[in-house]
C-alpha atoms as a PDB file:
ATOM      1  CA  MET A   1      16.338  -3.158  22.439  1.00  0.00           C
ATOM      2  CA  ASN A   2      16.157  -4.552  25.905  1.00  0.00           C
ATOM      3  CA  HIS A   3      13.704  -7.297  26.992  1.00  0.00           C
ATOM      4  CA  PRO A   4      10.534  -5.860  28.670  1.00  0.00           C
ATOM      5  CA  ASN A   5      11.538  -7.437  32.027  1.00  0.00           C
ATOM      6  CA  ASP A   6      15.153  -6.307  31.863  1.00  0.00           C
ATOM      7  CA  PRO A   7      15.881  -4.388  34.951  1.00  0.00           C
ATOM      8  CA  ARG A   8      18.077  -1.988  33.112  1.00  0.00           C
ATOM      9  CA  GLU A   9      14.772  -0.720  31.419  1.00  0.00           C
ATOM     10  CA  HIS A  10      14.067   0.874  34.905  1.00  0.00           C
ATOM     11  CA  GLY A  11      17.612   1.893  35.413  1.00  0.00           C
ATOM     12  CA  VAL A  12      18.684  -0.848  37.759  1.00  0.00           C
ATOM     13  CA  ASP A  13      21.225  -3.347  36.934  1.00  0.00           C
ATOM     14  CA  TYR A  14      20.888  -6.311  39.367  1.00  0.00           C
ATOM     15  CA  ARG A  15      24.494  -7.226  39.128  1.00  0.00           C
ATOM     16  CA  GLU A  16      25.724  -3.751  40.012  1.00  0.00           C
ATOM     17  CA  ASP A  17      23.022  -3.597  42.854  1.00  0.00           C
ATOM     18  CA  LEU A  18      24.198  -7.046  44.205  1.00  0.00           C
ATOM     19  CA  THR A  19      27.786  -6.031  44.172  1.00  0.00           C
ATOM     20  CA  GLU A  20      26.871  -2.784  46.031  1.00  0.00           C
ATOM     21  CA  ARG A  21      24.847  -4.701  48.569  1.00  0.00           C
ATOM     22  CA  LEU A  22      27.582  -7.360  48.998  1.00  0.00           C
ATOM     23  CA  ARG A  23      29.930  -4.711  50.439  1.00  0.00           C
ATOM     24  CA  ASP A  24      27.779  -4.801  53.560  1.00  0.00           C
ATOM     25  CA  PRO A  25      29.196  -7.663  55.730  1.00  0.00           C
ATOM     26  CA  GLU A  26      25.926  -8.496  57.253  1.00  0.00           C
ATOM     27  CA  PHE A  27      24.111  -8.832  53.829  1.00  0.00           C
ATOM     28  CA  ALA A  28      27.142 -10.688  52.480  1.00  0.00           C
ATOM     29  CA  ALA A  29      27.003 -13.284  55.127  1.00  0.00           C
ATOM     30  CA  GLU A  30      23.281 -13.696  54.820  1.00  0.00           C
ATOM     31  CA  TYR A  31      23.603 -14.066  51.074  1.00  0.00           C
ATOM     32  CA  ARG A  32      26.419 -16.700  51.324  1.00  0.00           C
ATOM     33  CA  GLU A  33      24.292 -18.652  53.819  1.00  0.00           C
ATOM     34  CA  ALA A  34      21.372 -18.524  51.383  1.00  0.00           C
ATOM     35  CA  GLN A  35      23.581 -19.739  48.575  1.00  0.00           C
ATOM     36  CA  HIS A  36      24.916 -22.683  50.622  1.00  0.00           C
ATOM     37  CA  ARG A  37      21.389 -23.745  51.658  1.00  0.00           C
ATOM     38  CA  ALA A  38      20.142 -23.561  48.060  1.00  0.00           C
ATOM     39  CA  SER A  39      23.205 -25.303  46.879  1.00  0.00           C
ATOM     40  CA  LEU A  40      22.949 -28.170  49.202  1.00  0.00           C
ATOM     41  CA  GLY A  41      19.137 -28.802  48.384  1.00  0.00           C
ATOM     42  CA  LEU A  42      19.789 -28.691  44.724  1.00  0.00           C
ATOM     43  CA  LYS A  43      22.658 -31.241  45.047  1.00  0.00           C
ATOM     44  CA  ILE A  44      20.403 -33.606  46.883  1.00  0.00           C
ATOM     45  CA  ALA A  45      17.720 -33.178  44.271  1.00  0.00           C
ATOM     46  CA  LYS A  46      20.072 -33.547  41.374  1.00  0.00           C
ATOM     47  CA  LEU A  47      21.717 -36.695  42.748  1.00  0.00           C
ATOM     48  CA  ARG A  48      18.314 -38.115  43.374  1.00  0.00           C
ATOM     49  CA  ALA A  49      17.103 -37.289  39.747  1.00  0.00           C
ATOM     50  CA  GLU A  50      20.249 -38.787  38.233  1.00  0.00           C
ATOM     51  CA  GLN A  51      19.565 -42.009  39.962  1.00  0.00           C
ATOM     52  CA  GLY A  52      15.939 -41.991  38.690  1.00  0.00           C
ATOM     53  CA  LEU A  53      14.620 -42.027  42.239  1.00  0.00           C
ATOM     54  CA  SER A  54      11.454 -40.250  43.414  1.00  0.00           C
ATOM     55  CA  GLN A  55      11.505 -38.539  46.611  1.00  0.00           C
ATOM     56  CA  ALA A  56       9.343 -41.287  48.070  1.00  0.00           C
ATOM     57  CA  GLU A  57      11.981 -43.734  46.991  1.00  0.00           C
ATOM     58  CA  LEU A  58      14.845 -41.813  48.538  1.00  0.00           C
ATOM     59  CA  ALA A  59      12.697 -41.404  51.745  1.00  0.00           C
ATOM     60  CA  ALA A  60      12.371 -45.175  51.992  1.00  0.00           C
ATOM     61  CA  ARG A  61      16.186 -45.676  51.676  1.00  0.00           C
ATOM     62  CA  VAL A  62      16.772 -43.291  54.605  1.00  0.00           C
ATOM     63  CA  ASN A  63      13.658 -44.320  56.615  1.00  0.00           C
ATOM     64  CA  THR A  64      11.856 -41.047  56.441  1.00  0.00           C
ATOM     65  CA  THR A  65       8.892 -39.549  54.480  1.00  0.00           C
ATOM     66  CA  GLN A  66       8.641 -38.050  51.112  1.00  0.00           C
ATOM     67  CA  SER A  67       7.688 -34.677  52.679  1.00  0.00           C
ATOM     68  CA  VAL A  68      10.913 -34.781  54.688  1.00  0.00           C
ATOM     69  CA  ILE A  69      12.878 -35.322  51.550  1.00  0.00           C
ATOM     70  CA  SER A  70      10.913 -32.513  49.806  1.00  0.00           C
ATOM     71  CA  ARG A  71      11.988 -30.253  52.740  1.00  0.00           C
ATOM     72  CA  TYR A  72      15.731 -31.229  52.512  1.00  0.00           C
ATOM     73  CA  GLU A  73      15.609 -30.266  48.741  1.00  0.00           C
ATOM     74  CA  SER A  74      14.129 -26.884  49.515  1.00  0.00           C
ATOM     75  CA  ALA A  75      16.505 -23.866  49.081  1.00  0.00           C
ATOM     76  CA  ASP A  76      14.890 -22.500  52.304  1.00  0.00           C
ATOM     77  CA  TYR A  77      15.805 -25.458  54.694  1.00  0.00           C
ATOM     78  CA  SER A  78      18.617 -24.840  57.032  1.00  0.00           C
ATOM     79  CA  SER A  79      18.440 -27.331  59.694  1.00  0.00           C
ATOM     80  CA  TYR A  80      20.470 -30.161  58.315  1.00  0.00           C
ATOM     81  CA  ARG A  81      22.072 -32.578  60.766  1.00  0.00           C
ATOM     82  CA  LEU A  82      25.372 -34.130  59.808  1.00  0.00           C
ATOM     83  CA  ASP A  83      24.078 -37.677  60.582  1.00  0.00           C
ATOM     84  CA  THR A  84      21.154 -37.001  58.179  1.00  0.00           C
ATOM     85  CA  LEU A  85      23.280 -35.786  55.458  1.00  0.00           C
ATOM     86  CA  ARG A  86      25.521 -38.887  55.827  1.00  0.00           C
ATOM     87  CA  ARG A  87      22.529 -41.094  55.491  1.00  0.00           C
ATOM     88  CA  LEU A  88      21.316 -39.184  52.464  1.00  0.00           C
ATOM     89  CA  ALA A  89      24.751 -39.297  50.770  1.00  0.00           C
ATOM     90  CA  GLU A  90      25.063 -43.102  51.462  1.00  0.00           C
ATOM     91  CA  ALA A  91      21.678 -43.597  49.950  1.00  0.00           C
ATOM     92  CA  LEU A  92      22.633 -41.651  46.947  1.00  0.00           C
ATOM     93  CA  GLY A  93      25.862 -43.538  46.529  1.00  0.00           C
ATOM     94  CA  SER A  94      27.817 -40.457  47.378  1.00  0.00           C
ATOM     95  CA  GLU A  95      30.044 -39.412  50.272  1.00  0.00           C
ATOM     96  CA  LEU A  96      29.632 -36.315  52.525  1.00  0.00           C
ATOM     97  CA  VAL A  97      32.383 -33.756  52.421  1.00  0.00           C
ATOM     98  CA  VAL A  98      32.522 -31.123  55.189  1.00  0.00           C
ATOM     99  CA  ASP A  99      34.984 -28.371  54.512  1.00  0.00           C
ATOM    100  CA  ILE A 100      36.091 -25.182  56.107  1.00  0.00           C
ATOM    101  CA  ALA A 101      37.589 -22.538  53.755  1.00  0.00           C
ATOM    102  CA  PRO A 102      38.769 -18.873  54.097  1.00  0.00           C
ATOM    103  CA  LYS A 103      36.222 -16.350  53.612  1.00  0.00           C
ATOM    104  CA  THR A 104      36.231 -14.509  50.224  1.00  0.00           C
ATOM    105  CA  THR A 105      35.879 -10.772  50.202  1.00  0.00           C
ATOM    106  CA  VAL A 106      34.127  -8.374  47.735  1.00  0.00           C
ATOM    107  CA  ARG A 107      36.749  -6.193  46.086  1.00  0.00           C
ATOM    108  CA  ASN A 108      35.805  -2.582  45.379  1.00  0.00           C
END
């Protein structure tokens, strides 16, 4: 028996639906962008939490406000600047790594 909220109960498997949607290059590009944004925000939050820092404490280290740190940690934020990311990385005892990699394609 499936869970009551299982999409397969309604004849939809989200993995199959996503695979189909990713065949559309425009959707795939938007999806990858959203993944990158969410990933970066989550990394900032994870590093901060691992060091036992509050958002306000990290904000003080980079000379900003708690609300700005909250924005940086949001999956919806997309206006990062390299100098800001460098300051955040340094404040978190990390280094900023920027990479350009070949695009991956969805196989049929």
